[in-house]
């Protein structure tokens, strides 16, 4: 991830051993970053797991888009849109783990 950190310093990410989640601002940015990650892995004789590697849309109360992947698994938690109660007592949708 050192190359990604250098070339995409504005993209926050979490990494644990061989698992990583990158927080991109757009689908285009996510695709470009994934392409770079795959190139870097290939240069070291590695590949991204095809069933576990995907771009997910973190849909919540403010993001209304429609995409094929709106959830993902990371370190045993399932991240997806969930109904939560705000501090003011209102119900809203937030992208959160369970």
PDB file of N, CA and C in Angstrom:
ATOM      1  N   UNK A   1       0.816  -1.201   0.000  1.00  0.00           N
ATOM      2  CA  UNK A   1       0.000   0.000   0.000  1.00  0.00           C
ATOM      3  C   UNK A   1       0.855   1.259   0.000  1.00  0.00           C
ATOM      4  N   UNK A   2       2.162   1.113   0.102  1.00  0.00           N
ATOM      5  CA  UNK A   2       3.015   2.301   0.132  1.00  0.00           C
ATOM      6  C   UNK A   2       2.868   3.128  -1.143  1.00  0.00           C
ATOM      7  N   UNK A   3       2.801   2.477  -2.299  1.00  0.00           N
ATOM      8  CA  UNK A   3       2.620   3.199  -3.553  1.00  0.00           C
ATOM      9  C   UNK A   3       1.285   3.904  -3.610  1.00  0.00           C
ATOM     10  N   UNK A   4       0.251   3.266  -3.087  1.00  0.00           N
ATOM     11  CA  UNK A   4      -1.076   3.891  -3.071  1.00  0.00           C
ATOM     12  C   UNK A   4      -1.085   5.092  -2.139  1.00  0.00           C
ATOM     13  N   UNK A   5      -0.430   4.965  -0.996  1.00  0.00           N
ATOM     14  CA  UNK A   5      -0.375   6.068  -0.046  1.00  0.00           C
ATOM     15  C   UNK A   5       0.349   7.266  -0.666  1.00  0.00           C
ATOM     16  N   UNK A   6       1.371   6.977  -1.453  1.00  0.00           N
ATOM     17  CA  UNK A   6       2.138   8.037  -2.114  1.00  0.00           C
ATOM     18  C   UNK A   6       1.338   8.665  -3.257  1.00  0.00           C
ATOM     19  N   UNK A   7       0.690   7.826  -4.080  1.00  0.00           N
ATOM     20  CA  UNK A   7      -0.024   8.317  -5.260  1.00  0.00           C
ATOM     21  C   UNK A   7      -1.468   8.729  -4.991  1.00  0.00           C
ATOM     22  N   UNK A   8      -2.038   8.270  -3.887  1.00  0.00           N
ATOM     23  CA  UNK A   8      -3.425   8.599  -3.526  1.00  0.00           C
ATOM     24  C   UNK A   8      -3.479   8.993  -2.046  1.00  0.00           C
ATOM     25  N   UNK A   9      -2.778  10.049  -1.629  1.00  0.00           N
ATOM     26  CA  UNK A   9      -2.698  10.384  -0.205  1.00  0.00           C
ATOM     27  C   UNK A   9      -4.034  10.787   0.420  1.00  0.00           C
ATOM     28  N   UNK A  10      -4.995  11.182  -0.391  1.00  0.00           N
ATOM     29  CA  UNK A  10      -6.296  11.614   0.118  1.00  0.00           C
ATOM     30  C   UNK A  10      -7.270  10.448   0.321  1.00  0.00           C
ATOM     31  N   UNK A  11      -6.873   9.219  -0.035  1.00  0.00           N
ATOM     32  CA  UNK A  11      -7.760   8.057   0.100  1.00  0.00           C
ATOM     33  C   UNK A  11      -7.434   7.345   1.412  1.00  0.00           C
ATOM     34  N   UNK A  12      -8.290   7.502   2.436  1.00  0.00           N
ATOM     35  CA  UNK A  12      -8.045   6.786   3.686  1.00  0.00           C
ATOM     36  C   UNK A  12      -8.261   5.283   3.494  1.00  0.00           C
ATOM     37  N   UNK A  13      -7.541   4.486   4.264  1.00  0.00           N
ATOM     38  CA  UNK A  13      -7.707   3.040   4.158  1.00  0.00           C
ATOM     39  C   UNK A  13      -7.405   2.364   5.492  1.00  0.00           C
ATOM     40  N   UNK A  14      -7.952   1.162   5.646  1.00  0.00           N
ATOM     41  CA  UNK A  14      -7.654   0.300   6.776  1.00  0.00           C
ATOM     42  C   UNK A  14      -7.034  -0.962   6.215  1.00  0.00           C
ATOM     43  N   UNK A  15      -6.030  -1.484   6.922  1.00  0.00           N
ATOM     44  CA  UNK A  15      -5.391  -2.714   6.466  1.00  0.00           C
ATOM     45  C   UNK A  15      -5.107  -3.584   7.677  1.00  0.00           C
ATOM     46  N   UNK A  16      -5.381  -4.865   7.530  1.00  0.00           N
ATOM     47  CA  UNK A  16      -5.039  -5.843   8.555  1.00  0.00           C
ATOM     48  C   UNK A  16      -4.526  -7.076   7.833  1.00  0.00           C
ATOM     49  N   UNK A  17      -3.306  -7.440   8.047  1.00  0.00           N
ATOM     50  CA  UNK A  17      -2.594  -8.509   7.334  1.00  0.00           C
ATOM     51  C   UNK A  17      -2.830  -8.378   5.830  1.00  0.00           C
ATOM     52  N   UNK A  18      -3.612  -9.286   5.229  1.00  0.00           N
ATOM     53  CA  UNK A  18      -3.797  -9.222   3.769  1.00  0.00           C
ATOM     54  C   UNK A  18      -5.164  -8.672   3.365  1.00  0.00           C
ATOM     55  N   UNK A  19      -5.886  -8.053   4.287  1.00  0.00           N
ATOM     56  CA  UNK A  19      -7.194  -7.451   3.989  1.00  0.00           C
ATOM     57  C   UNK A  19      -7.074  -5.931   4.022  1.00  0.00           C
ATOM     58  N   UNK A  20      -7.769  -5.284   3.090  1.00  0.00           N
ATOM     59  CA  UNK A  20      -7.719  -3.825   3.024  1.00  0.00           C
ATOM     60  C   UNK A  20      -9.066  -3.273   2.570  1.00  0.00           C
ATOM     61  N   UNK A  21      -9.426  -2.120   3.115  1.00  0.00           N
ATOM     62  CA  UNK A  21     -10.605  -1.372   2.679  1.00  0.00           C
ATOM     63  C   UNK A  21     -10.127   0.046   2.372  1.00  0.00           C
ATOM     64  N   UNK A  22     -10.409   0.521   1.171  1.00  0.00           N
ATOM     65  CA  UNK A  22     -10.047   1.880   0.753  1.00  0.00           C
ATOM     66  C   UNK A  22     -11.327   2.696   0.609  1.00  0.00           C
ATOM     67  N   UNK A  23     -11.306   3.932   1.078  1.00  0.00           N
ATOM     68  CA  UNK A  23     -12.485   4.800   1.055  1.00  0.00           C
ATOM     69  C   UNK A  23     -12.336   5.847  -0.047  1.00  0.00           C
ATOM     70  N   UNK A  24     -12.819   5.531  -1.219  1.00  0.00           N
ATOM     71  CA  UNK A  24     -12.707   6.423  -2.376  1.00  0.00           C
ATOM     72  C   UNK A  24     -13.914   7.349  -2.461  1.00  0.00           C
ATOM     73  N   UNK A  25     -13.739   8.463  -3.137  1.00  0.00           N
ATOM     74  CA  UNK A  25     -14.820   9.448  -3.275  1.00  0.00           C
ATOM     75  C   UNK A  25     -15.742   9.165  -4.447  1.00  0.00           C
ATOM     76  N   UNK A  26     -15.268   8.390  -5.406  1.00  0.00           N
ATOM     77  CA  UNK A  26     -16.085   8.120  -6.589  1.00  0.00           C
ATOM     78  C   UNK A  26     -15.787   6.724  -7.118  1.00  0.00           C
ATOM     79  N   UNK A  27     -16.674   6.246  -7.961  1.00  0.00           N
ATOM     80  CA  UNK A  27     -16.467   4.940  -8.585  1.00  0.00           C
ATOM     81  C   UNK A  27     -15.232   4.972  -9.486  1.00  0.00           C
ATOM     82  N   UNK A  28     -15.043   6.075 -10.199  1.00  0.00           N
ATOM     83  CA  UNK A  28     -13.874   6.199 -11.079  1.00  0.00           C
ATOM     84  C   UNK A  28     -12.579   6.132 -10.270  1.00  0.00           C
ATOM     85  N   UNK A  29     -12.547   6.815  -9.139  1.00  0.00           N
ATOM     86  CA  UNK A  29     -11.365   6.785  -8.280  1.00  0.00           C
ATOM     87  C   UNK A  29     -11.131   5.370  -7.741  1.00  0.00           C
ATOM     88  N   UNK A  30     -12.196   4.684  -7.354  1.00  0.00           N
ATOM     89  CA  UNK A  30     -12.081   3.316  -6.842  1.00  0.00           C
ATOM     90  C   UNK A  30     -11.538   2.372  -7.912  1.00  0.00           C
ATOM     91  N   UNK A  31     -12.033   2.506  -9.133  1.00  0.00           N
ATOM     92  CA  UNK A  31     -11.557   1.650 -10.228  1.00  0.00           C
ATOM     93  C   UNK A  31     -10.082   1.900 -10.528  1.00  0.00           C
ATOM     94  N   UNK A  32      -9.671   3.161 -10.529  1.00  0.00           N
ATOM     95  CA  UNK A  32      -8.268   3.497 -10.796  1.00  0.00           C
ATOM     96  C   UNK A  32      -7.364   2.950  -9.692  1.00  0.00           C
ATOM     97  N   UNK A  33      -7.796   3.075  -8.449  1.00  0.00           N
ATOM     98  CA  UNK A  33      -7.004   2.575  -7.332  1.00  0.00           C
ATOM     99  C   UNK A  33      -6.916   1.051  -7.363  1.00  0.00           C
ATOM    100  N   UNK A  34      -8.017   0.386  -7.643  1.00  0.00           N
ATOM    101  CA  UNK A  34      -8.013  -1.077  -7.728  1.00  0.00           C
ATOM    102  C   UNK A  34      -7.072  -1.549  -8.838  1.00  0.00           C
ATOM    103  N   UNK A  35      -7.076  -0.845  -9.948  1.00  0.00           N
ATOM    104  CA  UNK A  35      -6.179  -1.186 -11.058  1.00  0.00           C
ATOM    105  C   UNK A  35      -4.719  -1.075 -10.609  1.00  0.00           C
ATOM    106  N   UNK A  36      -4.405  -0.010  -9.880  1.00  0.00           N
ATOM    107  CA  UNK A  36      -3.043   0.189  -9.391  1.00  0.00           C
ATOM    108  C   UNK A  36      -2.666  -0.903  -8.388  1.00  0.00           C
ATOM    109  N   UNK A  37      -3.580  -1.250  -7.497  1.00  0.00           N
ATOM    110  CA  UNK A  37      -3.310  -2.302  -6.508  1.00  0.00           C
ATOM    111  C   UNK A  37      -3.061  -3.635  -7.206  1.00  0.00           C
ATOM    112  N   UNK A  38      -3.887  -3.951  -8.195  1.00  0.00           N
ATOM    113  CA  UNK A  38      -3.702  -5.215  -8.925  1.00  0.00           C
ATOM    114  C   UNK A  38      -2.351  -5.254  -9.645  1.00  0.00           C
ATOM    115  N   UNK A  39      -1.955  -4.129 -10.239  1.00  0.00           N
ATOM    116  CA  UNK A  39      -0.649  -4.062 -10.913  1.00  0.00           C
ATOM    117  C   UNK A  39       0.485  -4.309  -9.920  1.00  0.00           C
ATOM    118  N   UNK A  40       0.371  -3.685  -8.768  1.00  0.00           N
ATOM    119  CA  UNK A  40       1.422  -3.829  -7.742  1.00  0.00           C
ATOM    120  C   UNK A  40       1.484  -5.265  -7.223  1.00  0.00           C
ATOM    121  N   UNK A  41       0.327  -5.863  -6.987  1.00  0.00           N
ATOM    122  CA  UNK A  41       0.307  -7.261  -6.545  1.00  0.00           C
ATOM    123  C   UNK A  41       0.941  -8.167  -7.597  1.00  0.00           C
ATOM    124  N   UNK A  42       0.568  -7.951  -8.854  1.00  0.00           N
ATOM    125  CA  UNK A  42       1.089  -8.772  -9.950  1.00  0.00           C
ATOM    126  C   UNK A  42       2.612  -8.666 -10.040  1.00  0.00           C
ATOM    127  N   UNK A  43       3.141  -7.475  -9.808  1.00  0.00           N
ATOM    128  CA  UNK A  43       4.592  -7.277  -9.854  1.00  0.00           C
ATOM    129  C   UNK A  43       5.314  -8.122  -8.806  1.00  0.00           C
ATOM    130  N   UNK A  44       4.588  -8.521  -7.764  1.00  0.00           N
ATOM    131  CA  UNK A  44       5.161  -9.347  -6.697  1.00  0.00           C
ATOM    132  C   UNK A  44       4.677 -10.792  -6.771  1.00  0.00           C
ATOM    133  N   UNK A  45       4.061 -11.159  -7.914  1.00  0.00           N
ATOM    134  CA  UNK A  45       3.604 -12.532  -8.099  1.00  0.00           C
ATOM    135  C   UNK A  45       2.347 -12.876  -7.319  1.00  0.00           C
ATOM    136  N   UNK A  46       1.559 -11.881  -6.963  1.00  0.00           N
ATOM    137  CA  UNK A  46       0.334 -12.082  -6.180  1.00  0.00           C
ATOM    138  C   UNK A  46      -0.881 -11.637  -6.983  1.00  0.00           C
ATOM    139  N   UNK A  47      -2.070 -12.051  -6.538  1.00  0.00           N
ATOM    140  CA  UNK A  47      -3.318 -11.582  -7.146  1.00  0.00           C
ATOM    141  C   UNK A  47      -4.320 -11.255  -6.044  1.00  0.00           C
ATOM    142  N   UNK A  48      -5.250 -10.373  -6.359  1.00  0.00           N
ATOM    143  CA  UNK A  48      -6.356 -10.070  -5.450  1.00  0.00           C
ATOM    144  C   UNK A  48      -7.379 -11.196  -5.577  1.00  0.00           C
ATOM    145  N   UNK A  49      -7.907 -11.662  -4.462  1.00  0.00           N
ATOM    146  CA  UNK A  49      -8.881 -12.755  -4.478  1.00  0.00           C
ATOM    147  C   UNK A  49     -10.116 -12.303  -5.259  1.00  0.00           C
ATOM    148  N   UNK A  50     -10.456 -12.999  -6.357  1.00  0.00           N
ATOM    149  CA  UNK A  50     -11.552 -12.542  -7.224  1.00  0.00           C
ATOM    150  C   UNK A  50     -12.926 -12.518  -6.547  1.00  0.00           C
ATOM    151  N   UNK A  51     -13.172 -13.400  -5.578  1.00  0.00           N
ATOM    152  CA  UNK A  51     -14.476 -13.419  -4.906  1.00  0.00           C
ATOM    153  C   UNK A  51     -14.569 -12.393  -3.783  1.00  0.00           C
ATOM    154  N   UNK A  52     -13.437 -11.961  -3.255  1.00  0.00           N
ATOM    155  CA  UNK A  52     -13.440 -11.040  -2.123  1.00  0.00           C
ATOM    156  C   UNK A  52     -13.131  -9.602  -2.522  1.00  0.00           C
ATOM    157  N   UNK A  53     -12.687  -9.398  -3.754  1.00  0.00           N
ATOM    158  CA  UNK A  53     -12.295  -8.065  -4.203  1.00  0.00           C
ATOM    159  C   UNK A  53     -13.447  -7.425  -4.964  1.00  0.00           C
ATOM    160  N   UNK A  54     -13.945  -6.303  -4.431  1.00  0.00           N
ATOM    161  CA  UNK A  54     -15.047  -5.625  -5.109  1.00  0.00           C
ATOM    162  C   UNK A  54     -15.092  -4.157  -4.705  1.00  0.00           C
ATOM    163  N   UNK A  55     -15.809  -3.406  -5.499  1.00  0.00           N
ATOM    164  CA  UNK A  55     -16.087  -2.011  -5.193  1.00  0.00           C
ATOM    165  C   UNK A  55     -17.512  -1.972  -4.664  1.00  0.00           C
ATOM    166  N   UNK A  56     -17.661  -1.459  -3.441  1.00  0.00           N
ATOM    167  CA  UNK A  56     -18.983  -1.395  -2.809  1.00  0.00           C
ATOM    168  C   UNK A  56     -19.394   0.062  -2.630  1.00  0.00           C
ATOM    169  N   UNK A  57     -20.660   0.327  -2.878  1.00  0.00           N
ATOM    170  CA  UNK A  57     -21.231   1.665  -2.695  1.00  0.00           C
ATOM    171  C   UNK A  57     -21.761   1.748  -1.267  1.00  0.00           C
ATOM    172  N   UNK A  58     -21.228   2.665  -0.474  1.00  0.00           N
ATOM    173  CA  UNK A  58     -21.619   2.794   0.933  1.00  0.00           C
ATOM    174  C   UNK A  58     -22.876   3.650   1.052  1.00  0.00           C
ATOM    175  N   UNK A  59     -23.995   3.045   0.726  1.00  0.00           N
ATOM    176  CA  UNK A  59     -25.287   3.736   0.696  1.00  0.00           C
ATOM    177  C   UNK A  59     -25.756   4.052   2.120  1.00  0.00           C
ATOM    178  N   UNK A  60     -26.201   5.286   2.326  1.00  0.00           N
ATOM    179  CA  UNK A  60     -26.780   5.673   3.610  1.00  0.00           C
ATOM    180  C   UNK A  60     -27.890   6.685   3.363  1.00  0.00           C
ATOM    181  N   UNK A  61     -28.270   7.444   4.364  1.00  0.00           N
ATOM    182  CA  UNK A  61     -29.374   8.383   4.240  1.00  0.00           C
ATOM    183  C   UNK A  61     -29.140   9.505   3.246  1.00  0.00           C
ATOM    184  N   UNK A  62     -27.882   9.841   2.964  1.00  0.00           N
ATOM    185  CA  UNK A  62     -27.582  10.928   2.030  1.00  0.00           C
ATOM    186  C   UNK A  62     -27.139  10.432   0.660  1.00  0.00           C
ATOM    187  N   UNK A  63     -26.746   9.188   0.571  1.00  0.00           N
ATOM    188  CA  UNK A  63     -26.304   8.606  -0.712  1.00  0.00           C
ATOM    189  C   UNK A  63     -27.410   7.719  -1.247  1.00  0.00           C
ATOM    190  N   UNK A  64     -28.027   8.138  -2.322  1.00  0.00           N
ATOM    191  CA  UNK A  64     -29.215   7.442  -2.837  1.00  0.00           C
ATOM    192  C   UNK A  64     -28.958   6.626  -4.099  1.00  0.00           C
ATOM    193  N   UNK A  65     -27.721   6.564  -4.569  1.00  0.00           N
ATOM    194  CA  UNK A  65     -27.408   5.856  -5.808  1.00  0.00           C
ATOM    195  C   UNK A  65     -27.751   4.376  -5.753  1.00  0.00           C
ATOM    196  N   UNK A  66     -27.791   3.766  -6.910  1.00  0.00           N
ATOM    197  CA  UNK A  66     -28.095   2.343  -7.017  1.00  0.00           C
ATOM    198  C   UNK A  66     -26.924   1.639  -7.704  1.00  0.00           C
ATOM    199  N   UNK A  67     -26.300   0.720  -7.000  1.00  0.00           N
ATOM    200  CA  UNK A  67     -25.143  -0.011  -7.504  1.00  0.00           C
ATOM    201  C   UNK A  67     -25.283  -1.484  -7.144  1.00  0.00           C
ATOM    202  N   UNK A  68     -24.596  -2.378  -7.867  1.00  0.00           N
ATOM    203  CA  UNK A  68     -24.749  -3.814  -7.608  1.00  0.00           C
ATOM    204  C   UNK A  68     -24.240  -4.250  -6.232  1.00  0.00           C
ATOM    205  N   UNK A  69     -23.165  -3.642  -5.726  1.00  0.00           N
ATOM    206  CA  UNK A  69     -22.617  -4.013  -4.418  1.00  0.00           C
ATOM    207  C   UNK A  69     -22.841  -2.882  -3.424  1.00  0.00           C
ATOM    208  N   UNK A  70     -23.681  -3.128  -2.420  1.00  0.00           N
ATOM    209  CA  UNK A  70     -23.960  -2.108  -1.408  1.00  0.00           C
ATOM    210  C   UNK A  70     -23.614  -2.617  -0.007  1.00  0.00           C
ATOM    211  N   UNK A  71     -22.793  -3.659   0.054  1.00  0.00           N
ATOM    212  CA  UNK A  71     -22.331  -4.181   1.337  1.00  0.00           C
ATOM    213  C   UNK A  71     -21.020  -4.922   1.117  1.00  0.00           C
ATOM    214  N   UNK A  72     -20.309  -5.167   2.217  1.00  0.00           N
ATOM    215  CA  UNK A  72     -19.080  -5.959   2.141  1.00  0.00           C
ATOM    216  C   UNK A  72     -18.749  -6.530   3.513  1.00  0.00           C
ATOM    217  N   UNK A  73     -17.929  -7.561   3.517  1.00  0.00           N
ATOM    218  CA  UNK A  73     -17.449  -8.199   4.744  1.00  0.00           C
ATOM    219  C   UNK A  73     -16.007  -7.753   4.972  1.00  0.00           C
ATOM    220  N   UNK A  74     -15.688  -7.431   6.224  1.00  0.00           N
ATOM    221  CA  UNK A  74     -14.314  -7.076   6.560  1.00  0.00           C
ATOM    222  C   UNK A  74     -14.044  -7.498   7.990  1.00  0.00           C
ATOM    223  N   UNK A  75     -13.061  -8.346   8.167  1.00  0.00           N
ATOM    224  CA  UNK A  75     -12.646  -8.839   9.480  1.00  0.00           C
ATOM    225  C   UNK A  75     -13.813  -9.402  10.283  1.00  0.00           C
ATOM    226  N   UNK A  76     -14.680 -10.142   9.624  1.00  0.00           N
ATOM    227  CA  UNK A  76     -15.788 -10.811  10.297  1.00  0.00           C
ATOM    228  C   UNK A  76     -17.024  -9.961  10.521  1.00  0.00           C
ATOM    229  N   UNK A  77     -17.002  -8.711  10.112  1.00  0.00           N
ATOM    230  CA  UNK A  77     -18.173  -7.843  10.255  1.00  0.00           C
ATOM    231  C   UNK A  77     -18.791  -7.589   8.892  1.00  0.00           C
ATOM    232  N   UNK A  78     -20.110  -7.466   8.881  1.00  0.00           N
ATOM    233  CA  UNK A  78     -20.838  -7.174   7.652  1.00  0.00           C
ATOM    234  C   UNK A  78     -21.187  -5.688   7.641  1.00  0.00           C
ATOM    235  N   UNK A  79     -20.652  -4.964   6.680  1.00  0.00           N
ATOM    236  CA  UNK A  79     -20.911  -3.532   6.551  1.00  0.00           C
ATOM    237  C   UNK A  79     -21.996  -3.321   5.505  1.00  0.00           C
ATOM    238  N   UNK A  80     -23.043  -2.570   5.880  1.00  0.00           N
ATOM    239  CA  UNK A  80     -24.139  -2.273   4.961  1.00  0.00           C
ATOM    240  C   UNK A  80     -24.958  -1.126   5.542  1.00  0.00           C
ATOM    241  N   UNK A  81     -25.945  -0.670   4.782  1.00  0.00           N
ATOM    242  CA  UNK A  81     -26.834   0.384   5.256  1.00  0.00           C
ATOM    243  C   UNK A  81     -27.720  -0.177   6.366  1.00  0.00           C
ATOM    244  N   UNK A  82     -27.815   0.550   7.470  1.00  0.00           N
ATOM    245  CA  UNK A  82     -28.634   0.111   8.612  1.00  0.00           C
ATOM    246  C   UNK A  82     -29.436   1.290   9.155  1.00  0.00           C
ATOM    247  N   UNK A  83     -30.603   0.983   9.684  1.00  0.00           N
ATOM    248  CA  UNK A  83     -31.431   2.011  10.328  1.00  0.00           C
ATOM    249  C   UNK A  83     -30.889   2.237  11.737  1.00  0.00           C
ATOM    250  N   UNK A  84     -30.600   3.504  12.061  1.00  0.00           N
ATOM    251  CA  UNK A  84     -30.085   3.852  13.383  1.00  0.00           C
ATOM    252  C   UNK A  84     -30.825   5.078  13.910  1.00  0.00           C
ATOM    253  N   UNK A  85     -30.815   5.217  15.216  1.00  0.00           N
ATOM    254  CA  UNK A  85     -31.443   6.372  15.850  1.00  0.00           C
ATOM    255  C   UNK A  85     -30.367   7.424  16.101  1.00  0.00           C
ATOM    256  N   UNK A  86     -30.624   8.660  15.666  1.00  0.00           N
ATOM    257  CA  UNK A  86     -29.671   9.753  15.858  1.00  0.00           C
ATOM    258  C   UNK A  86     -29.761  10.265  17.295  1.00  0.00           C
ATOM    259  N   UNK A  87     -28.855  11.169  17.663  1.00  0.00           N
ATOM    260  CA  UNK A  87     -28.855  11.751  19.004  1.00  0.00           C
ATOM    261  C   UNK A  87     -30.160  12.488  19.291  1.00  0.00           C
ATOM    262  N   UNK A  88     -30.802  13.022  18.247  1.00  0.00           N
ATOM    263  CA  UNK A  88     -32.067  13.746  18.428  1.00  0.00           C
ATOM    264  C   UNK A  88     -33.274  12.808  18.442  1.00  0.00           C
ATOM    265  N   UNK A  89     -33.033  11.508  18.293  1.00  0.00           N
ATOM    266  CA  UNK A  89     -34.120  10.541  18.348  1.00  0.00           C
ATOM    267  C   UNK A  89     -34.725  10.171  17.006  1.00  0.00           C
ATOM    268  N   UNK A  90     -34.260  10.796  15.930  1.00  0.00           N
ATOM    269  CA  UNK A  90     -34.773  10.474  14.592  1.00  0.00           C
ATOM    270  C   UNK A  90     -34.141   9.184  14.081  1.00  0.00           C
ATOM    271  N   UNK A  91     -34.885   8.463  13.252  1.00  0.00           N
ATOM    272  CA  UNK A  91     -34.353   7.274  12.593  1.00  0.00           C
ATOM    273  C   UNK A  91     -33.796   7.687  11.234  1.00  0.00           C
ATOM    274  N   UNK A  92     -32.634   7.160  10.904  1.00  0.00           N
ATOM    275  CA  UNK A  92     -32.008   7.449   9.620  1.00  0.00           C
ATOM    276  C   UNK A  92     -31.191   6.239   9.175  1.00  0.00           C
ATOM    277  N   UNK A  93     -30.735   6.260   7.955  1.00  0.00           N
ATOM    278  CA  UNK A  93     -29.894   5.169   7.442  1.00  0.00           C
ATOM    279  C   UNK A  93     -28.428   5.577   7.550  1.00  0.00           C
ATOM    280  N   UNK A  94     -27.612   4.667   8.048  1.00  0.00           N
ATOM    281  CA  UNK A  94     -26.165   4.871   8.141  1.00  0.00           C
ATOM    282  C   UNK A  94     -25.470   3.617   7.639  1.00  0.00           C
ATOM    283  N   UNK A  95     -24.307   3.786   7.057  1.00  0.00           N
ATOM    284  CA  UNK A  95     -23.508   2.646   6.607  1.00  0.00           C
ATOM    285  C   UNK A  95     -22.652   2.234   7.794  1.00  0.00           C
ATOM    286  N   UNK A  96     -22.909   1.043   8.323  1.00  0.00           N
ATOM    287  CA  UNK A  96     -22.254   0.636   9.565  1.00  0.00           C
ATOM    288  C   UNK A  96     -22.063  -0.877   9.624  1.00  0.00           C
ATOM    289  N   UNK A  97     -21.154  -1.329  10.496  1.00  0.00           N
ATOM    290  CA  UNK A  97     -20.940  -2.771  10.660  1.00  0.00           C
ATOM    291  C   UNK A  97     -21.942  -3.376  11.632  1.00  0.00           C
ATOM    292  N   UNK A  98     -21.991  -4.697  11.619  1.00  0.00           N
ATOM    293  CA  UNK A  98     -22.796  -5.420  12.618  1.00  0.00           C
ATOM    294  C   UNK A  98     -21.988  -6.588  13.115  1.00  0.00           C
TER     295      UNK A  98
END
